[in-house]
Amino acid sequence: NKLGWYRIPLAKGEQPSFEKDVWKD
């Protein structure tokens, strides 16, 4: 497990803030 990224809630209607358009749904 490569550590350093922590899961947080995704704001409604928003895209993830990291590597946009790379991770789908």
PDB file of all heavy atoms in Angstrom:
ATOM      1  N   ASN A   1       0.855  -1.183   0.000  1.00  0.00           N
ATOM      2  CA  ASN A   1       0.000   0.000   0.000  1.00  0.00           C
ATOM      3  C   ASN A   1       0.893   1.237   0.000  1.00  0.00           C
ATOM      4  O   ASN A   1       1.607   1.506   0.966  1.00  0.00           O
ATOM      5  CB  ASN A   1      -0.934   0.016   1.216  1.00  0.00           C
ATOM      6  CG  ASN A   1      -1.991   1.116   1.105  1.00  0.00           C
ATOM      7  OD1 ASN A   1      -2.085   1.800   0.092  1.00  0.00           O
ATOM      8  ND2 ASN A   1      -2.781   1.281   2.145  1.00  0.00           N
ATOM      9  N   LYS A   2       0.842   1.976  -1.087  1.00  0.00           N
ATOM     10  CA  LYS A   2       1.606   3.220  -1.198  1.00  0.00           C
ATOM     11  C   LYS A   2       0.783   4.310  -0.515  1.00  0.00           C
ATOM     12  O   LYS A   2      -0.313   4.654  -0.972  1.00  0.00           O
ATOM     13  CB  LYS A   2       1.885   3.533  -2.669  1.00  0.00           C
ATOM     14  CG  LYS A   2       2.653   2.411  -3.379  1.00  0.00           C
ATOM     15  CD  LYS A   2       3.220   2.851  -4.719  1.00  0.00           C
ATOM     16  CE  LYS A   2       2.150   3.130  -5.748  1.00  0.00           C
ATOM     17  NZ  LYS A   2       1.527   1.875  -6.252  1.00  0.00           N
ATOM     18  N   LEU A   3       1.326   4.856   0.559  1.00  0.00           N
ATOM     19  CA  LEU A   3       0.570   5.733   1.443  1.00  0.00           C
ATOM     20  C   LEU A   3       0.865   7.205   1.182  1.00  0.00           C
ATOM     21  O   LEU A   3       1.935   7.567   0.711  1.00  0.00           O
ATOM     22  CB  LEU A   3       0.918   5.408   2.896  1.00  0.00           C
ATOM     23  CG  LEU A   3       0.704   3.956   3.324  1.00  0.00           C
ATOM     24  CD1 LEU A   3       1.407   3.687   4.638  1.00  0.00           C
ATOM     25  CD2 LEU A   3      -0.775   3.640   3.424  1.00  0.00           C
ATOM     26  N   GLY A   4      -0.099   8.024   1.543  1.00  0.00           N
ATOM     27  CA  GLY A   4       0.073   9.467   1.408  1.00  0.00           C
ATOM     28  C   GLY A   4      -1.181  10.167   0.929  1.00  0.00           C
ATOM     29  O   GLY A   4      -1.282  11.393   0.980  1.00  0.00           O
ATOM     30  N   TRP A   5      -2.165   9.377   0.476  1.00  0.00           N
ATOM     31  CA  TRP A   5      -3.443   9.936   0.037  1.00  0.00           C
ATOM     32  C   TRP A   5      -4.548   9.419   0.950  1.00  0.00           C
ATOM     33  O   TRP A   5      -4.677   8.212   1.151  1.00  0.00           O
ATOM     34  CB  TRP A   5      -3.728   9.567  -1.418  1.00  0.00           C
ATOM     35  CG  TRP A   5      -2.816  10.280  -2.374  1.00  0.00           C
ATOM     36  CD1 TRP A   5      -1.568   9.888  -2.770  1.00  0.00           C
ATOM     37  CD2 TRP A   5      -3.074  11.523  -3.026  1.00  0.00           C
ATOM     38  NE1 TRP A   5      -1.035  10.809  -3.634  1.00  0.00           N
ATOM     39  CE2 TRP A   5      -1.930  11.833  -3.821  1.00  0.00           C
ATOM     40  CE3 TRP A   5      -4.149  12.416  -3.029  1.00  0.00           C
ATOM     41  CZ2 TRP A   5      -1.844  12.980  -4.596  1.00  0.00           C
ATOM     42  CZ3 TRP A   5      -4.064  13.562  -3.807  1.00  0.00           C
ATOM     43  CH2 TRP A   5      -2.928  13.834  -4.571  1.00  0.00           C
ATOM     44  N   TYR A   6      -5.342  10.348   1.475  1.00  0.00           N
ATOM     45  CA  TYR A   6      -6.364  10.030   2.473  1.00  0.00           C
ATOM     46  C   TYR A   6      -7.744  10.329   1.893  1.00  0.00           C
ATOM     47  O   TYR A   6      -7.989  11.415   1.358  1.00  0.00           O
ATOM     48  CB  TYR A   6      -6.134  10.873   3.728  1.00  0.00           C
ATOM     49  CG  TYR A   6      -6.975  10.488   4.919  1.00  0.00           C
ATOM     50  CD1 TYR A   6      -6.548   9.498   5.790  1.00  0.00           C
ATOM     51  CD2 TYR A   6      -8.188  11.126   5.174  1.00  0.00           C
ATOM     52  CE1 TYR A   6      -7.307   9.147   6.901  1.00  0.00           C
ATOM     53  CE2 TYR A   6      -8.950  10.783   6.275  1.00  0.00           C
ATOM     54  CZ  TYR A   6      -8.516   9.793   7.139  1.00  0.00           C
ATOM     55  OH  TYR A   6      -9.272   9.446   8.232  1.00  0.00           O
ATOM     56  N   ARG A   7      -8.634   9.359   2.010  1.00  0.00           N
ATOM     57  CA  ARG A   7      -9.995   9.527   1.468  1.00  0.00           C
ATOM     58  C   ARG A   7     -10.783  10.555   2.266  1.00  0.00           C
ATOM     59  O   ARG A   7     -10.780  10.534   3.502  1.00  0.00           O
ATOM     60  CB  ARG A   7     -10.738   8.190   1.489  1.00  0.00           C
ATOM     61  CG  ARG A   7     -12.209   8.345   1.122  1.00  0.00           C
ATOM     62  CD  ARG A   7     -12.980   7.057   1.295  1.00  0.00           C
ATOM     63  NE  ARG A   7     -12.848   6.211   0.130  1.00  0.00           N
ATOM     64  CZ  ARG A   7     -13.583   5.099  -0.069  1.00  0.00           C
ATOM     65  NH1 ARG A   7     -14.463   4.721   0.852  1.00  0.00           N
ATOM     66  NH2 ARG A   7     -13.410   4.385  -1.163  1.00  0.00           N
ATOM     67  N   ILE A   8     -11.474  11.434   1.547  1.00  0.00           N
ATOM     68  CA  ILE A   8     -12.392  12.399   2.153  1.00  0.00           C
ATOM     69  C   ILE A   8     -13.675  12.407   1.327  1.00  0.00           C
ATOM     70  O   ILE A   8     -13.694  11.903   0.196  1.00  0.00           O
ATOM     71  CB  ILE A   8     -11.777  13.824   2.198  1.00  0.00           C
ATOM     72  CG1 ILE A   8     -11.484  14.328   0.774  1.00  0.00           C
ATOM     73  CG2 ILE A   8     -10.525  13.852   3.063  1.00  0.00           C
ATOM     74  CD1 ILE A   8     -11.087  15.790   0.715  1.00  0.00           C
ATOM     75  N   PRO A   9     -14.760  12.980   1.859  1.00  0.00           N
ATOM     76  CA  PRO A   9     -15.999  13.041   1.087  1.00  0.00           C
ATOM     77  C   PRO A   9     -15.829  13.873  -0.186  1.00  0.00           C
ATOM     78  O   PRO A   9     -15.038  14.819  -0.228  1.00  0.00           O
ATOM     79  CB  PRO A   9     -16.991  13.701   2.055  1.00  0.00           C
ATOM     80  CG  PRO A   9     -16.416  13.450   3.412  1.00  0.00           C
ATOM     81  CD  PRO A   9     -14.932  13.480   3.235  1.00  0.00           C
ATOM     82  N   LEU A  10     -16.563  13.504  -1.202  1.00  0.00           N
ATOM     83  CA  LEU A  10     -16.585  14.254  -2.457  1.00  0.00           C
ATOM     84  C   LEU A  10     -17.768  15.205  -2.439  1.00  0.00           C
ATOM     85  O   LEU A  10     -18.914  14.789  -2.208  1.00  0.00           O
ATOM     86  CB  LEU A  10     -16.702  13.295  -3.640  1.00  0.00           C
ATOM     87  CG  LEU A  10     -16.751  13.920  -5.040  1.00  0.00           C
ATOM     88  CD1 LEU A  10     -15.431  14.618  -5.358  1.00  0.00           C
ATOM     89  CD2 LEU A  10     -17.046  12.854  -6.087  1.00  0.00           C
ATOM     90  N   ALA A  11     -17.488  16.468  -2.658  1.00  0.00           N
ATOM     91  CA  ALA A  11     -18.565  17.463  -2.663  1.00  0.00           C
ATOM     92  C   ALA A  11     -19.585  17.133  -3.750  1.00  0.00           C
ATOM     93  O   ALA A  11     -19.219  16.711  -4.857  1.00  0.00           O
ATOM     94  CB  ALA A  11     -17.987  18.855  -2.872  1.00  0.00           C
ATOM     95  N   LYS A  12     -20.835  17.316  -3.446  1.00  0.00           N
ATOM     96  CA  LYS A  12     -21.915  16.978  -4.370  1.00  0.00           C
ATOM     97  C   LYS A  12     -21.741  17.730  -5.691  1.00  0.00           C
ATOM     98  O   LYS A  12     -21.551  18.933  -5.721  1.00  0.00           O
ATOM     99  CB  LYS A  12     -23.266  17.334  -3.744  1.00  0.00           C
ATOM    100  CG  LYS A  12     -24.457  16.874  -4.593  1.00  0.00           C
ATOM    101  CD  LYS A  12     -25.772  17.141  -3.875  1.00  0.00           C
ATOM    102  CE  LYS A  12     -26.955  16.656  -4.717  1.00  0.00           C
ATOM    103  NZ  LYS A  12     -28.250  16.911  -4.034  1.00  0.00           N
ATOM    104  N   GLY A  13     -21.791  16.971  -6.765  1.00  0.00           N
ATOM    105  CA  GLY A  13     -21.690  17.558  -8.091  1.00  0.00           C
ATOM    106  C   GLY A  13     -20.290  17.925  -8.515  1.00  0.00           C
ATOM    107  O   GLY A  13     -20.086  18.475  -9.594  1.00  0.00           O
ATOM    108  N   GLU A  14     -19.294  17.621  -7.675  1.00  0.00           N
ATOM    109  CA  GLU A  14     -17.911  17.997  -7.975  1.00  0.00           C
ATOM    110  C   GLU A  14     -17.106  16.803  -8.480  1.00  0.00           C
ATOM    111  O   GLU A  14     -17.426  15.647  -8.218  1.00  0.00           O
ATOM    112  CB  GLU A  14     -17.239  18.566  -6.725  1.00  0.00           C
ATOM    113  CG  GLU A  14     -17.814  19.886  -6.264  1.00  0.00           C
ATOM    114  CD  GLU A  14     -17.586  21.013  -7.253  1.00  0.00           C
ATOM    115  OE1 GLU A  14     -16.508  21.049  -7.872  1.00  0.00           O
ATOM    116  OE2 GLU A  14     -18.489  21.859  -7.394  1.00  0.00           O
ATOM    117  N   GLN A  15     -16.056  17.119  -9.224  1.00  0.00           N
ATOM    118  CA  GLN A  15     -15.093  16.121  -9.647  1.00  0.00           C
ATOM    119  C   GLN A  15     -14.021  15.976  -8.568  1.00  0.00           C
ATOM    120  O   GLN A  15     -13.777  16.906  -7.796  1.00  0.00           O
ATOM    121  CB  GLN A  15     -14.436  16.548 -10.960  1.00  0.00           C
ATOM    122  CG  GLN A  15     -15.350  16.487 -12.173  1.00  0.00           C
ATOM    123  CD  GLN A  15     -15.611  15.060 -12.623  1.00  0.00           C
ATOM    124  OE1 GLN A  15     -14.730  14.208 -12.568  1.00  0.00           O
ATOM    125  NE2 GLN A  15     -16.840  14.807 -13.056  1.00  0.00           N
ATOM    126  N   PRO A  16     -13.347  14.820  -8.492  1.00  0.00           N
ATOM    127  CA  PRO A  16     -12.223  14.699  -7.556  1.00  0.00           C
ATOM    128  C   PRO A  16     -11.181  15.773  -7.829  1.00  0.00           C
ATOM    129  O   PRO A  16     -11.001  16.204  -8.972  1.00  0.00           O
ATOM    130  CB  PRO A  16     -11.673  13.298  -7.851  1.00  0.00           C
ATOM    131  CG  PRO A  16     -12.826  12.555  -8.451  1.00  0.00           C
ATOM    132  CD  PRO A  16     -13.601  13.572  -9.223  1.00  0.00           C
ATOM    133  N   SER A  17     -10.502  16.211  -6.800  1.00  0.00           N
ATOM    134  CA  SER A  17      -9.553  17.317  -6.929  1.00  0.00           C
ATOM    135  C   SER A  17      -8.197  16.880  -7.455  1.00  0.00           C
ATOM    136  O   SER A  17      -7.357  17.719  -7.773  1.00  0.00           O
ATOM    137  CB  SER A  17      -9.377  18.001  -5.564  1.00  0.00           C
ATOM    138  OG  SER A  17      -8.905  17.072  -4.601  1.00  0.00           O
ATOM    139  N   PHE A  18      -7.959  15.585  -7.552  1.00  0.00           N
ATOM    140  CA  PHE A  18      -6.654  15.080  -8.001  1.00  0.00           C
ATOM    141  C   PHE A  18      -6.819  14.367  -9.349  1.00  0.00           C
ATOM    142  O   PHE A  18      -7.813  13.705  -9.600  1.00  0.00           O
ATOM    143  CB  PHE A  18      -6.060  14.127  -6.969  1.00  0.00           C
ATOM    144  CG  PHE A  18      -6.838  12.836  -6.802  1.00  0.00           C
ATOM    145  CD1 PHE A  18      -6.394  11.662  -7.383  1.00  0.00           C
ATOM    146  CD2 PHE A  18      -8.024  12.816  -6.079  1.00  0.00           C
ATOM    147  CE1 PHE A  18      -7.111  10.490  -7.251  1.00  0.00           C
ATOM    148  CE2 PHE A  18      -8.735  11.642  -5.932  1.00  0.00           C
ATOM    149  CZ  PHE A  18      -8.285  10.476  -6.524  1.00  0.00           C
ATOM    150  N   GLU A  19      -5.841  14.514 -10.217  1.00  0.00           N
ATOM    151  CA  GLU A  19      -5.821  13.844 -11.519  1.00  0.00           C
ATOM    152  C   GLU A  19      -7.204  13.825 -12.181  1.00  0.00           C
ATOM    153  O   GLU A  19      -7.787  12.779 -12.465  1.00  0.00           O
ATOM    154  CB  GLU A  19      -5.265  12.430 -11.371  1.00  0.00           C
ATOM    155  CG  GLU A  19      -3.803  12.425 -10.982  1.00  0.00           C
ATOM    156  CD  GLU A  19      -3.210  11.031 -10.827  1.00  0.00           C
ATOM    157  OE1 GLU A  19      -3.973  10.065 -10.660  1.00  0.00           O
ATOM    158  OE2 GLU A  19      -1.975  10.923 -10.857  1.00  0.00           O
ATOM    159  N   LYS A  20      -7.719  14.999 -12.432  1.00  0.00           N
ATOM    160  CA  LYS A  20      -9.058  15.126 -13.006  1.00  0.00           C
ATOM    161  C   LYS A  20      -9.143  14.457 -14.372  1.00  0.00           C
ATOM    162  O   LYS A  20      -8.196  14.475 -15.146  1.00  0.00           O
ATOM    163  CB  LYS A  20      -9.433  16.601 -13.112  1.00  0.00           C
ATOM    164  CG  LYS A  20      -9.583  17.280 -11.753  1.00  0.00           C
ATOM    165  CD  LYS A  20      -9.976  18.736 -11.883  1.00  0.00           C
ATOM    166  CE  LYS A  20     -10.129  19.384 -10.516  1.00  0.00           C
ATOM    167  NZ  LYS A  20     -10.488  20.818 -10.592  1.00  0.00           N
ATOM    168  N   ASP A  21     -10.299  13.868 -14.638  1.00  0.00           N
ATOM    169  CA  ASP A  21     -10.605  13.184 -15.895  1.00  0.00           C
ATOM    170  C   ASP A  21      -9.850  11.873 -16.071  1.00  0.00           C
ATOM    171  O   ASP A  21      -9.907  11.256 -17.141  1.00  0.00           O
ATOM    172  CB  ASP A  21     -10.335  14.094 -17.104  1.00  0.00           C
ATOM    173  CG  ASP A  21     -11.162  15.369 -17.088  1.00  0.00           C
ATOM    174  OD1 ASP A  21     -12.333  15.283 -16.691  1.00  0.00           O
ATOM    175  OD2 ASP A  21     -10.636  16.428 -17.450  1.00  0.00           O
ATOM    176  N   VAL A  22      -9.134  11.434 -15.035  1.00  0.00           N
ATOM    177  CA  VAL A  22      -8.412  10.161 -15.109  1.00  0.00           C
ATOM    178  C   VAL A  22      -9.194   9.051 -14.407  1.00  0.00           C
ATOM    179  O   VAL A  22      -9.323   7.945 -14.923  1.00  0.00           O
ATOM    180  CB  VAL A  22      -7.010  10.301 -14.489  1.00  0.00           C
ATOM    181  CG1 VAL A  22      -6.318   8.946 -14.382  1.00  0.00           C
ATOM    182  CG2 VAL A  22      -6.158  11.244 -15.334  1.00  0.00           C
ATOM    183  N   TRP A  23      -9.759   9.368 -13.238  1.00  0.00           N
ATOM    184  CA  TRP A  23     -10.521   8.385 -12.462  1.00  0.00           C
ATOM    185  C   TRP A  23     -12.007   8.586 -12.740  1.00  0.00           C
ATOM    186  O   TRP A  23     -12.544   9.686 -12.591  1.00  0.00           O
ATOM    187  CB  TRP A  23     -10.224   8.544 -10.974  1.00  0.00           C
ATOM    188  CG  TRP A  23      -8.763   8.475 -10.686  1.00  0.00           C
ATOM    189  CD1 TRP A  23      -7.899   9.514 -10.523  1.00  0.00           C
ATOM    190  CD2 TRP A  23      -7.975   7.288 -10.591  1.00  0.00           C
ATOM    191  NE1 TRP A  23      -6.624   9.059 -10.313  1.00  0.00           N
ATOM    192  CE2 TRP A  23      -6.631   7.687 -10.346  1.00  0.00           C
ATOM    193  CE3 TRP A  23      -8.257   5.921 -10.676  1.00  0.00           C
ATOM    194  CZ2 TRP A  23      -5.598   6.778 -10.195  1.00  0.00           C
ATOM    195  CZ3 TRP A  23      -7.223   5.016 -10.512  1.00  0.00           C
ATOM    196  CH2 TRP A  23      -5.915   5.438 -10.276  1.00  0.00           C
ATOM    197  N   LYS A  24     -12.674   7.524 -13.142  1.00  0.00           N
ATOM    198  CA  LYS A  24     -14.056   7.618 -13.602  1.00  0.00           C
ATOM    199  C   LYS A  24     -15.048   7.099 -12.554  1.00  0.00           C
ATOM    200  O   LYS A  24     -14.826   6.068 -11.929  1.00  0.00           O
ATOM    201  CB  LYS A  24     -14.235   6.809 -14.900  1.00  0.00           C
ATOM    202  CG  LYS A  24     -13.267   7.195 -16.018  1.00  0.00           C
ATOM    203  CD  LYS A  24     -13.422   8.657 -16.441  1.00  0.00           C
ATOM    204  CE  LYS A  24     -12.478   9.009 -17.587  1.00  0.00           C
ATOM    205  NZ  LYS A  24     -12.603  10.424 -17.999  1.00  0.00           N
ATOM    206  N   ASP A  25     -16.129   7.842 -12.407  1.00  0.00           N
ATOM    207  CA  ASP A  25     -17.259   7.421 -11.580  1.00  0.00           C
ATOM    208  C   ASP A  25     -16.826   6.998 -10.176  1.00  0.00           C
ATOM    209  O   ASP A  25     -17.195   5.929  -9.683  1.00  0.00           O
ATOM    210  CB  ASP A  25     -18.008   6.268 -12.268  1.00  0.00           C
ATOM    211  CG  ASP A  25     -19.361   5.998 -11.603  1.00  0.00           C
ATOM    212  OD1 ASP A  25     -19.935   6.943 -11.023  1.00  0.00           O
ATOM    213  OD2 ASP A  25     -19.826   4.845 -11.655  1.00  0.00           O
TER     214      ASP A  25
END
